Amino acid sequence: MPGFGMFLNTMPLNDVHVGTDRRAHKRRIVDERGQFVIPSENCTLPCRIVNLSAGGAKILCDAIPASGTNVILILANGNCFEAVTTRYVEGELGLQFVAPSEPR
């Protein structure tokens, strides 16, 4: 099949880069307790914050609200961030902050 080889990746396996991180903000890995508030449900739950950035966070929580739900993330130091749920994958809930700001 002429020309078929141009689609093959001939780089050694250890040099292949799968996917690109397209996030607008650099994420910082953390392991911090916090609180997760779902105002529409009048519900506050404990959560574990897995990572943080100026634009969002990834958390572990018992609640799995629908994508697009307005929430508030409260860090252990008391800082609060209004956010919107973005996705739930393998037990982790993604949050996008409404007003991006560098978490402390």
PDB file of N, CA and C in Angstrom:
ATOM      1  N   MET A   1       0.846  -1.175   0.000  1.00  0.00           N
ATOM      2  CA  MET A   1       0.000   0.000   0.000  1.00  0.00           C
ATOM      3  C   MET A   1       0.891   1.237   0.000  1.00  0.00           C
ATOM      4  N   PRO A   2       1.080   1.900  -1.110  1.00  0.00           N
ATOM      5  CA  PRO A   2       1.971   3.057  -1.200  1.00  0.00           C
ATOM      6  C   PRO A   2       1.497   4.191  -0.290  1.00  0.00           C
ATOM      7  N   GLY A   3       2.469   4.826   0.365  1.00  0.00           N
ATOM      8  CA  GLY A   3       2.154   5.978   1.207  1.00  0.00           C
ATOM      9  C   GLY A   3       1.650   5.626   2.592  1.00  0.00           C
ATOM     10  N   PHE A   4       1.409   4.348   2.880  1.00  0.00           N
ATOM     11  CA  PHE A   4       0.855   3.968   4.179  1.00  0.00           C
ATOM     12  C   PHE A   4       1.828   4.257   5.308  1.00  0.00           C
ATOM     13  N   GLY A   5       3.139   4.107   5.054  1.00  0.00           N
ATOM     14  CA  GLY A   5       4.142   4.303   6.085  1.00  0.00           C
ATOM     15  C   GLY A   5       4.171   5.706   6.673  1.00  0.00           C
ATOM     16  N   MET A   6       3.670   6.675   5.948  1.00  0.00           N
ATOM     17  CA  MET A   6       3.712   8.038   6.480  1.00  0.00           C
ATOM     18  C   MET A   6       2.810   8.214   7.699  1.00  0.00           C
ATOM     19  N   PHE A   7       1.916   7.260   7.983  1.00  0.00           N
ATOM     20  CA  PHE A   7       1.044   7.358   9.143  1.00  0.00           C
ATOM     21  C   PHE A   7       1.602   6.637  10.360  1.00  0.00           C
ATOM     22  N   LEU A   8       2.657   5.871  10.193  1.00  0.00           N
ATOM     23  CA  LEU A   8       3.224   5.115  11.300  1.00  0.00           C
ATOM     24  C   LEU A   8       4.167   5.989  12.111  1.00  0.00           C
ATOM     25  N   ASN A   9       4.092   5.857  13.427  1.00  0.00           N
ATOM     26  CA  ASN A   9       5.005   6.562  14.314  1.00  0.00           C
ATOM     27  C   ASN A   9       6.195   5.644  14.538  1.00  0.00           C
ATOM     28  N   THR A  10       7.356   6.031  14.066  1.00  0.00           N
ATOM     29  CA  THR A  10       8.535   5.179  14.175  1.00  0.00           C
ATOM     30  C   THR A  10       9.436   5.580  15.339  1.00  0.00           C
ATOM     31  N   MET A  11       8.982   6.494  16.189  1.00  0.00           N
ATOM     32  CA  MET A  11       9.775   6.893  17.355  1.00  0.00           C
ATOM     33  C   MET A  11       9.826   5.747  18.353  1.00  0.00           C
ATOM     34  N   PRO A  12      10.934   5.575  19.095  1.00  0.00           N
ATOM     35  CA  PRO A  12      10.975   4.561  20.145  1.00  0.00           C
ATOM     36  C   PRO A  12       9.852   4.832  21.158  1.00  0.00           C
ATOM     37  N   LEU A  13       9.306   3.780  21.743  1.00  0.00           N
ATOM     38  CA  LEU A  13       8.161   3.896  22.633  1.00  0.00           C
ATOM     39  C   LEU A  13       8.400   4.864  23.787  1.00  0.00           C
ATOM     40  N   ASN A  14       9.601   4.857  24.361  1.00  0.00           N
ATOM     41  CA  ASN A  14       9.854   5.738  25.510  1.00  0.00           C
ATOM     42  C   ASN A  14       9.918   7.215  25.128  1.00  0.00           C
ATOM     43  N   ASP A  15       9.949   7.537  23.846  1.00  0.00           N
ATOM     44  CA  ASP A  15       9.976   8.931  23.406  1.00  0.00           C
ATOM     45  C   ASP A  15       8.615   9.437  22.931  1.00  0.00           C
ATOM     46  N   VAL A  16       7.613   8.573  22.910  1.00  0.00           N
ATOM     47  CA  VAL A  16       6.297   8.959  22.422  1.00  0.00           C
ATOM     48  C   VAL A  16       5.563   9.719  23.518  1.00  0.00           C
ATOM     49  N   HIS A  17       5.042  10.870  23.175  1.00  0.00           N
ATOM     50  CA  HIS A  17       4.282  11.683  24.123  1.00  0.00           C
ATOM     51  C   HIS A  17       2.808  11.547  23.774  1.00  0.00           C
ATOM     52  N   VAL A  18       2.039  10.994  24.716  1.00  0.00           N
ATOM     53  CA  VAL A  18       0.621  10.763  24.478  1.00  0.00           C
ATOM     54  C   VAL A  18      -0.162  11.913  25.085  1.00  0.00           C
ATOM     55  N   GLY A  19      -0.938  12.617  24.263  1.00  0.00           N
ATOM     56  CA  GLY A  19      -1.777  13.705  24.746  1.00  0.00           C
ATOM     57  C   GLY A  19      -0.976  14.944  25.075  1.00  0.00           C
ATOM     58  N   THR A  20      -1.677  16.032  25.186  1.00  0.00           N
ATOM     59  CA  THR A  20      -1.077  17.308  25.517  1.00  0.00           C
ATOM     60  C   THR A  20      -1.891  17.942  26.616  1.00  0.00           C
ATOM     61  N   ASP A  21      -1.246  18.488  27.620  1.00  0.00           N
ATOM     62  CA  ASP A  21      -1.948  19.176  28.692  1.00  0.00           C
ATOM     63  C   ASP A  21      -2.393  20.522  28.158  1.00  0.00           C
ATOM     64  N   ARG A  22      -3.694  20.679  27.971  1.00  0.00           N
ATOM     65  CA  ARG A  22      -4.237  21.901  27.376  1.00  0.00           C
ATOM     66  C   ARG A  22      -4.806  22.841  28.429  1.00  0.00           C
ATOM     67  N   ARG A  23      -4.527  22.601  29.683  1.00  0.00           N
ATOM     68  CA  ARG A  23      -5.063  23.456  30.733  1.00  0.00           C
ATOM     69  C   ARG A  23      -4.470  24.852  30.635  1.00  0.00           C
ATOM     70  N   ALA A  24      -5.299  25.840  30.950  1.00  0.00           N
ATOM     71  CA  ALA A  24      -4.858  27.233  30.889  1.00  0.00           C
ATOM     72  C   ALA A  24      -3.981  27.595  32.084  1.00  0.00           C
ATOM     73  N   HIS A  25      -4.111  26.843  33.195  1.00  0.00           N
ATOM     74  CA  HIS A  25      -3.376  27.162  34.419  1.00  0.00           C
ATOM     75  C   HIS A  25      -2.617  25.931  34.911  1.00  0.00           C
ATOM     76  N   LYS A  26      -1.419  26.139  35.397  1.00  0.00           N
ATOM     77  CA  LYS A  26      -0.606  25.055  35.926  1.00  0.00           C
ATOM     78  C   LYS A  26      -1.238  24.514  37.204  1.00  0.00           C
ATOM     79  N   ARG A  27      -1.335  23.204  37.292  1.00  0.00           N
ATOM     80  CA  ARG A  27      -1.930  22.556  38.463  1.00  0.00           C
ATOM     81  C   ARG A  27      -0.864  22.229  39.487  1.00  0.00           C
ATOM     82  N   ARG A  28      -1.260  22.339  40.752  1.00  0.00           N
ATOM     83  CA  ARG A  28      -0.387  22.000  41.873  1.00  0.00           C
ATOM     84  C   ARG A  28      -1.003  20.805  42.589  1.00  0.00           C
ATOM     85  N   ILE A  29      -0.260  19.714  42.691  1.00  0.00           N
ATOM     86  CA  ILE A  29      -0.744  18.515  43.363  1.00  0.00           C
ATOM     87  C   ILE A  29      -0.785  18.792  44.859  1.00  0.00           C
ATOM     88  N   VAL A  30      -1.917  18.493  45.477  1.00  0.00           N
ATOM     89  CA  VAL A  30      -2.076  18.670  46.917  1.00  0.00           C
ATOM     90  C   VAL A  30      -2.798  17.454  47.483  1.00  0.00           C
ATOM     91  N   ASP A  31      -2.786  17.330  48.779  1.00  0.00           N
ATOM     92  CA  ASP A  31      -3.575  16.317  49.489  1.00  0.00           C
ATOM     93  C   ASP A  31      -4.106  17.033  50.716  1.00  0.00           C
ATOM     94  N   GLU A  32      -5.228  17.700  50.543  1.00  0.00           N
ATOM     95  CA  GLU A  32      -5.736  18.604  51.565  1.00  0.00           C
ATOM     96  C   GLU A  32      -7.219  18.350  51.802  1.00  0.00           C
ATOM     97  N   ARG A  33      -7.608  18.412  53.051  1.00  0.00           N
ATOM     98  CA  ARG A  33      -9.031  18.309  53.380  1.00  0.00           C
ATOM     99  C   ARG A  33      -9.702  19.648  53.138  1.00  0.00           C
ATOM    100  N   GLY A  34     -10.952  19.587  52.755  1.00  0.00           N
ATOM    101  CA  GLY A  34     -11.724  20.792  52.540  1.00  0.00           C
ATOM    102  C   GLY A  34     -13.198  20.493  52.697  1.00  0.00           C
ATOM    103  N   GLN A  35     -14.009  21.443  52.285  1.00  0.00           N
ATOM    104  CA  GLN A  35     -15.451  21.258  52.301  1.00  0.00           C
ATOM    105  C   GLN A  35     -15.998  21.604  50.925  1.00  0.00           C
ATOM    106  N   PHE A  36     -17.041  20.911  50.569  1.00  0.00           N
ATOM    107  CA  PHE A  36     -17.673  21.039  49.266  1.00  0.00           C
ATOM    108  C   PHE A  36     -19.129  21.404  49.521  1.00  0.00           C
ATOM    109  N   VAL A  37     -19.531  22.599  49.089  1.00  0.00           N
ATOM    110  CA  VAL A  37     -20.885  23.083  49.337  1.00  0.00           C
ATOM    111  C   VAL A  37     -21.676  23.054  48.028  1.00  0.00           C
ATOM    112  N   ILE A  38     -22.865  22.474  48.093  1.00  0.00           N
ATOM    113  CA  ILE A  38     -23.792  22.486  46.958  1.00  0.00           C
ATOM    114  C   ILE A  38     -24.987  23.328  47.395  1.00  0.00           C
ATOM    115  N   PRO A  39     -24.960  24.647  47.095  1.00  0.00           N
ATOM    116  CA  PRO A  39     -26.017  25.543  47.575  1.00  0.00           C
ATOM    117  C   PRO A  39     -27.429  25.125  47.162  1.00  0.00           C
ATOM    118  N   SER A  40     -27.600  24.625  45.947  1.00  0.00           N
ATOM    119  CA  SER A  40     -28.938  24.248  45.484  1.00  0.00           C
ATOM    120  C   SER A  40     -29.526  23.084  46.274  1.00  0.00           C
ATOM    121  N   GLU A  41     -28.664  22.306  46.913  1.00  0.00           N
ATOM    122  CA  GLU A  41     -29.096  21.169  47.724  1.00  0.00           C
ATOM    123  C   GLU A  41     -29.024  21.486  49.214  1.00  0.00           C
ATOM    124  N   ASN A  42     -28.576  22.712  49.560  1.00  0.00           N
ATOM    125  CA  ASN A  42     -28.373  23.096  50.954  1.00  0.00           C
ATOM    126  C   ASN A  42     -27.535  22.032  51.678  1.00  0.00           C
ATOM    127  N   CYS A  43     -26.402  21.682  51.041  1.00  0.00           N
ATOM    128  CA  CYS A  43     -25.595  20.555  51.485  1.00  0.00           C
ATOM    129  C   CYS A  43     -24.123  20.949  51.570  1.00  0.00           C
ATOM    130  N   THR A  44     -23.485  20.594  52.687  1.00  0.00           N
ATOM    131  CA  THR A  44     -22.045  20.780  52.857  1.00  0.00           C
ATOM    132  C   THR A  44     -21.442  19.431  53.205  1.00  0.00           C
ATOM    133  N   LEU A  45     -20.415  19.037  52.454  1.00  0.00           N
ATOM    134  CA  LEU A  45     -19.777  17.739  52.645  1.00  0.00           C
ATOM    135  C   LEU A  45     -18.268  17.884  52.763  1.00  0.00           C
ATOM    136  N   PRO A  46     -17.632  16.980  53.494  1.00  0.00           N
ATOM    137  CA  PRO A  46     -16.167  16.978  53.495  1.00  0.00           C
ATOM    138  C   PRO A  46     -15.674  16.471  52.145  1.00  0.00           C
ATOM    139  N   CYS A  47     -14.488  16.919  51.760  1.00  0.00           N
ATOM    140  CA  CYS A  47     -13.881  16.441  50.515  1.00  0.00           C
ATOM    141  C   CYS A  47     -12.374  16.403  50.681  1.00  0.00           C
ATOM    142  N   ARG A  48     -11.728  15.746  49.744  1.00  0.00           N
ATOM    143  CA  ARG A  48     -10.265  15.707  49.684  1.00  0.00           C
ATOM    144  C   ARG A  48      -9.878  16.421  48.405  1.00  0.00           C
ATOM    145  N   ILE A  49      -9.055  17.461  48.511  1.00  0.00           N
ATOM    146  CA  ILE A  49      -8.609  18.218  47.349  1.00  0.00           C
ATOM    147  C   ILE A  49      -7.351  17.544  46.815  1.00  0.00           C
ATOM    148  N   VAL A  50      -7.396  17.156  45.546  1.00  0.00           N
ATOM    149  CA  VAL A  50      -6.313  16.410  44.916  1.00  0.00           C
ATOM    150  C   VAL A  50      -5.344  17.335  44.207  1.00  0.00           C
ATOM    151  N   ASN A  51      -5.883  18.344  43.497  1.00  0.00           N
ATOM    152  CA  ASN A  51      -5.009  19.335  42.881  1.00  0.00           C
ATOM    153  C   ASN A  51      -5.733  20.664  42.766  1.00  0.00           C
ATOM    154  N   LEU A  52      -4.937  21.730  42.630  1.00  0.00           N
ATOM    155  CA  LEU A  52      -5.452  23.097  42.554  1.00  0.00           C
ATOM    156  C   LEU A  52      -4.717  23.866  41.470  1.00  0.00           C
ATOM    157  N   SER A  53      -5.423  24.806  40.874  1.00  0.00           N
ATOM    158  CA  SER A  53      -4.791  25.751  39.967  1.00  0.00           C
ATOM    159  C   SER A  53      -5.536  27.062  40.107  1.00  0.00           C
ATOM    160  N   ALA A  54      -5.097  28.066  39.386  1.00  0.00           N
ATOM    161  CA  ALA A  54      -5.789  29.351  39.413  1.00  0.00           C
ATOM    162  C   ALA A  54      -7.183  29.239  38.810  1.00  0.00           C
ATOM    163  N   GLY A  55      -7.405  28.229  37.976  1.00  0.00           N
ATOM    164  CA  GLY A  55      -8.687  28.109  37.285  1.00  0.00           C
ATOM    165  C   GLY A  55      -9.607  27.018  37.766  1.00  0.00           C
ATOM    166  N   GLY A  56      -9.128  26.151  38.675  1.00  0.00           N
ATOM    167  CA  GLY A  56     -10.000  25.078  39.118  1.00  0.00           C
ATOM    168  C   GLY A  56      -9.333  24.120  40.068  1.00  0.00           C
ATOM    169  N   ALA A  57     -10.013  22.996  40.304  1.00  0.00           N
ATOM    170  CA  ALA A  57      -9.524  21.992  41.243  1.00  0.00           C
ATOM    171  C   ALA A  57     -10.073  20.634  40.864  1.00  0.00           C
ATOM    172  N   LYS A  58      -9.431  19.613  41.398  1.00  0.00           N
ATOM    173  CA  LYS A  58      -9.948  18.260  41.307  1.00  0.00           C
ATOM    174  C   LYS A  58     -10.114  17.772  42.739  1.00  0.00           C
ATOM    175  N   ILE A  59     -11.294  17.212  43.041  1.00  0.00           N
ATOM    176  CA  ILE A  59     -11.566  16.767  44.401  1.00  0.00           C
ATOM    177  C   ILE A  59     -12.129  15.353  44.421  1.00  0.00           C
ATOM    178  N   LEU A  60     -12.034  14.741  45.582  1.00  0.00           N
ATOM    179  CA  LEU A  60     -12.707  13.475  45.870  1.00  0.00           C
ATOM    180  C   LEU A  60     -13.815  13.806  46.856  1.00  0.00           C
ATOM    181  N   CYS A  61     -15.027  13.338  46.579  1.00  0.00           N
ATOM    182  CA  CYS A  61     -16.171  13.671  47.417  1.00  0.00           C
ATOM    183  C   CYS A  61     -17.236  12.598  47.258  1.00  0.00           C
ATOM    184  N   ASP A  62     -18.057  12.401  48.307  1.00  0.00           N
ATOM    185  CA  ASP A  62     -19.129  11.407  48.232  1.00  0.00           C
ATOM    186  C   ASP A  62     -20.260  11.838  47.302  1.00  0.00           C
ATOM    187  N   ALA A  63     -20.431  13.134  47.095  1.00  0.00           N
ATOM    188  CA  ALA A  63     -21.495  13.638  46.220  1.00  0.00           C
ATOM    189  C   ALA A  63     -21.004  13.694  44.781  1.00  0.00           C
ATOM    190  N   ILE A  64     -21.908  13.418  43.858  1.00  0.00           N
ATOM    191  CA  ILE A  64     -21.574  13.513  42.441  1.00  0.00           C
ATOM    192  C   ILE A  64     -22.648  14.363  41.765  1.00  0.00           C
ATOM    193  N   PRO A  65     -22.535  15.682  41.900  1.00  0.00           N
ATOM    194  CA  PRO A  65     -23.524  16.546  41.246  1.00  0.00           C
ATOM    195  C   PRO A  65     -23.352  16.538  39.733  1.00  0.00           C
ATOM    196  N   ALA A  66     -24.418  16.860  39.042  1.00  0.00           N
ATOM    197  CA  ALA A  66     -24.389  16.899  37.579  1.00  0.00           C
ATOM    198  C   ALA A  66     -23.390  17.943  37.091  1.00  0.00           C
ATOM    199  N   SER A  67     -22.849  17.705  35.914  1.00  0.00           N
ATOM    200  CA  SER A  67     -21.952  18.675  35.296  1.00  0.00           C
ATOM    201  C   SER A  67     -22.684  20.004  35.139  1.00  0.00           C
ATOM    202  N   GLY A  68     -22.008  21.100  35.467  1.00  0.00           N
ATOM    203  CA  GLY A  68     -22.613  22.428  35.375  1.00  0.00           C
ATOM    204  C   GLY A  68     -23.276  22.902  36.656  1.00  0.00           C
ATOM    205  N   THR A  69     -23.159  22.124  37.735  1.00  0.00           N
ATOM    206  CA  THR A  69     -23.743  22.512  39.023  1.00  0.00           C
ATOM    207  C   THR A  69     -22.870  23.570  39.691  1.00  0.00           C
ATOM    208  N   ASN A  70     -23.487  24.625  40.201  1.00  0.00           N
ATOM    209  CA  ASN A  70     -22.761  25.661  40.941  1.00  0.00           C
ATOM    210  C   ASN A  70     -22.448  25.147  42.338  1.00  0.00           C
ATOM    211  N   VAL A  71     -21.186  25.288  42.745  1.00  0.00           N
ATOM    212  CA  VAL A  71     -20.725  24.800  44.038  1.00  0.00           C
ATOM    213  C   VAL A  71     -19.764  25.813  44.653  1.00  0.00           C
ATOM    214  N   ILE A  72     -19.388  25.564  45.903  1.00  0.00           N
ATOM    215  CA  ILE A  72     -18.366  26.359  46.582  1.00  0.00           C
ATOM    216  C   ILE A  72     -17.363  25.391  47.184  1.00  0.00           C
ATOM    217  N   LEU A  73     -16.086  25.631  46.927  1.00  0.00           N
ATOM    218  CA  LEU A  73     -15.013  24.830  47.509  1.00  0.00           C
ATOM    219  C   LEU A  73     -14.385  25.652  48.622  1.00  0.00           C
ATOM    220  N   ILE A  74     -14.307  25.060  49.810  1.00  0.00           N
ATOM    221  CA  ILE A  74     -13.707  25.736  50.966  1.00  0.00           C
ATOM    222  C   ILE A  74     -12.435  24.980  51.334  1.00  0.00           C
ATOM    223  N   LEU A  75     -11.297  25.656  51.245  1.00  0.00           N
ATOM    224  CA  LEU A  75     -10.010  25.050  51.588  1.00  0.00           C
ATOM    225  C   LEU A  75      -9.843  24.997  53.099  1.00  0.00           C
ATOM    226  N   ALA A  76      -8.883  24.209  53.558  1.00  0.00           N
ATOM    227  CA  ALA A  76      -8.616  24.061  54.985  1.00  0.00           C
ATOM    228  C   ALA A  76      -8.257  25.394  55.640  1.00  0.00           C
ATOM    229  N   ASN A  77      -7.641  26.312  54.874  1.00  0.00           N
ATOM    230  CA  ASN A  77      -7.250  27.610  55.436  1.00  0.00           C
ATOM    231  C   ASN A  77      -8.403  28.620  55.440  1.00  0.00           C
ATOM    232  N   GLY A  78      -9.603  28.180  54.977  1.00  0.00           N
ATOM    233  CA  GLY A  78     -10.771  29.051  54.988  1.00  0.00           C
ATOM    234  C   GLY A  78     -11.046  29.779  53.687  1.00  0.00           C
ATOM    235  N   ASN A  79     -10.110  29.760  52.733  1.00  0.00           N
ATOM    236  CA  ASN A  79     -10.356  30.390  51.428  1.00  0.00           C
ATOM    237  C   ASN A  79     -11.495  29.676  50.714  1.00  0.00           C
ATOM    238  N   CYS A  80     -12.387  30.450  50.117  1.00  0.00           N
ATOM    239  CA  CYS A  80     -13.556  29.911  49.413  1.00  0.00           C
ATOM    240  C   CYS A  80     -13.492  30.258  47.933  1.00  0.00           C
ATOM    241  N   PHE A  81     -13.940  29.333  47.096  1.00  0.00           N
ATOM    242  CA  PHE A  81     -13.952  29.541  45.659  1.00  0.00           C
ATOM    243  C   PHE A  81     -15.282  29.087  45.085  1.00  0.00           C
ATOM    244  N   GLU A  82     -15.991  29.993  44.420  1.00  0.00           N
ATOM    245  CA  GLU A  82     -17.187  29.605  43.683  1.00  0.00           C
ATOM    246  C   GLU A  82     -16.725  28.855  42.457  1.00  0.00           C
ATOM    247  N   ALA A  83     -17.417  27.767  42.137  1.00  0.00           N
ATOM    248  CA  ALA A  83     -16.998  26.936  41.012  1.00  0.00           C
ATOM    249  C   ALA A  83     -18.216  26.300  40.348  1.00  0.00           C
ATOM    250  N   VAL A  84     -17.944  25.678  39.212  1.00  0.00           N
ATOM    251  CA  VAL A  84     -18.937  24.911  38.472  1.00  0.00           C
ATOM    252  C   VAL A  84     -18.340  23.531  38.248  1.00  0.00           C
ATOM    253  N   THR A  85     -19.131  22.485  38.469  1.00  0.00           N
ATOM    254  CA  THR A  85     -18.629  21.137  38.226  1.00  0.00           C
ATOM    255  C   THR A  85     -18.453  20.934  36.724  1.00  0.00           C
ATOM    256  N   THR A  86     -17.348  20.288  36.351  1.00  0.00           N
ATOM    257  CA  THR A  86     -17.074  20.084  34.935  1.00  0.00           C
ATOM    258  C   THR A  86     -17.196  18.635  34.518  1.00  0.00           C
ATOM    259  N   ARG A  87     -16.673  17.729  35.319  1.00  0.00           N
ATOM    260  CA  ARG A  87     -16.760  16.320  34.955  1.00  0.00           C
ATOM    261  C   ARG A  87     -16.414  15.441  36.146  1.00  0.00           C
ATOM    262  N   TYR A  88     -16.874  14.212  36.067  1.00  0.00           N
ATOM    263  CA  TYR A  88     -16.604  13.212  37.090  1.00  0.00           C
ATOM    264  C   TYR A  88     -16.005  11.996  36.403  1.00  0.00           C
ATOM    265  N   VAL A  89     -14.759  11.666  36.769  1.00  0.00           N
ATOM    266  CA  VAL A  89     -14.071  10.537  36.153  1.00  0.00           C
ATOM    267  C   VAL A  89     -13.341   9.746  37.228  1.00  0.00           C
ATOM    268  N   GLU A  90     -13.599   8.447  37.282  1.00  0.00           N
ATOM    269  CA  GLU A  90     -12.895   7.534  38.180  1.00  0.00           C
ATOM    270  C   GLU A  90     -12.812   8.054  39.611  1.00  0.00           C
ATOM    271  N   GLY A  91     -13.927   8.531  40.146  1.00  0.00           N
ATOM    272  CA  GLY A  91     -13.989   8.963  41.532  1.00  0.00           C
ATOM    273  C   GLY A  91     -13.534  10.381  41.793  1.00  0.00           C
ATOM    274  N   GLU A  92     -13.088  11.097  40.770  1.00  0.00           N
ATOM    275  CA  GLU A  92     -12.611  12.465  40.953  1.00  0.00           C
ATOM    276  C   GLU A  92     -13.534  13.451  40.244  1.00  0.00           C
ATOM    277  N   LEU A  93     -13.860  14.529  40.943  1.00  0.00           N
ATOM    278  CA  LEU A  93     -14.767  15.553  40.422  1.00  0.00           C
ATOM    279  C   LEU A  93     -13.964  16.789  40.040  1.00  0.00           C
ATOM    280  N   GLY A  94     -14.110  17.227  38.793  1.00  0.00           N
ATOM    281  CA  GLY A  94     -13.419  18.423  38.315  1.00  0.00           C
ATOM    282  C   GLY A  94     -14.254  19.662  38.571  1.00  0.00           C
ATOM    283  N   LEU A  95     -13.591  20.730  39.011  1.00  0.00           N
ATOM    284  CA  LEU A  95     -14.250  22.013  39.267  1.00  0.00           C
ATOM    285  C   LEU A  95     -13.557  23.107  38.470  1.00  0.00           C
ATOM    286  N   GLN A  96     -14.332  24.005  37.910  1.00  0.00           N
ATOM    287  CA  GLN A  96     -13.785  25.195  37.247  1.00  0.00           C
ATOM    288  C   GLN A  96     -14.219  26.399  38.062  1.00  0.00           C
ATOM    289  N   PHE A  97     -13.236  27.179  38.539  1.00  0.00           N
ATOM    290  CA  PHE A  97     -13.551  28.347  39.348  1.00  0.00           C
ATOM    291  C   PHE A  97     -14.257  29.397  38.496  1.00  0.00           C
ATOM    292  N   VAL A  98     -15.268  30.050  39.085  1.00  0.00           N
ATOM    293  CA  VAL A  98     -16.015  31.086  38.391  1.00  0.00           C
ATOM    294  C   VAL A  98     -15.137  32.302  38.138  1.00  0.00           C
ATOM    295  N   ALA A  99     -14.346  32.691  39.125  1.00  0.00           N
ATOM    296  CA  ALA A  99     -13.399  33.812  38.994  1.00  0.00           C
ATOM    297  C   ALA A  99     -12.005  33.267  39.274  1.00  0.00           C
ATOM    298  N   PRO A 100     -11.245  32.913  38.211  1.00  0.00           N
ATOM    299  CA  PRO A 100      -9.918  32.349  38.428  1.00  0.00           C
ATOM    300  C   PRO A 100      -9.046  33.232  39.315  1.00  0.00           C
ATOM    301  N   SER A 101      -8.339  32.580  40.235  1.00  0.00           N
ATOM    302  CA  SER A 101      -7.447  33.266  41.171  1.00  0.00           C
ATOM    303  C   SER A 101      -6.505  32.229  41.737  1.00  0.00           C
ATOM    304  N   GLU A 102      -5.300  32.619  42.065  1.00  0.00           N
ATOM    305  CA  GLU A 102      -4.307  31.675  42.573  1.00  0.00           C
ATOM    306  C   GLU A 102      -4.664  31.243  43.999  1.00  0.00           C
ATOM    307  N   PRO A 103      -5.013  29.947  44.221  1.00  0.00           N
ATOM    308  CA  PRO A 103      -5.304  29.469  45.575  1.00  0.00           C
ATOM    309  C   PRO A 103      -4.069  29.530  46.454  1.00  0.00           C
ATOM    310  N   ARG A 104      -4.280  29.821  47.701  1.00  0.00           N
ATOM    311  CA  ARG A 104      -3.158  29.881  48.663  1.00  0.00           C
ATOM    312  C   ARG A 104      -3.199  28.715  49.596  1.00  0.00           C
TER     313      ARG A 104
END
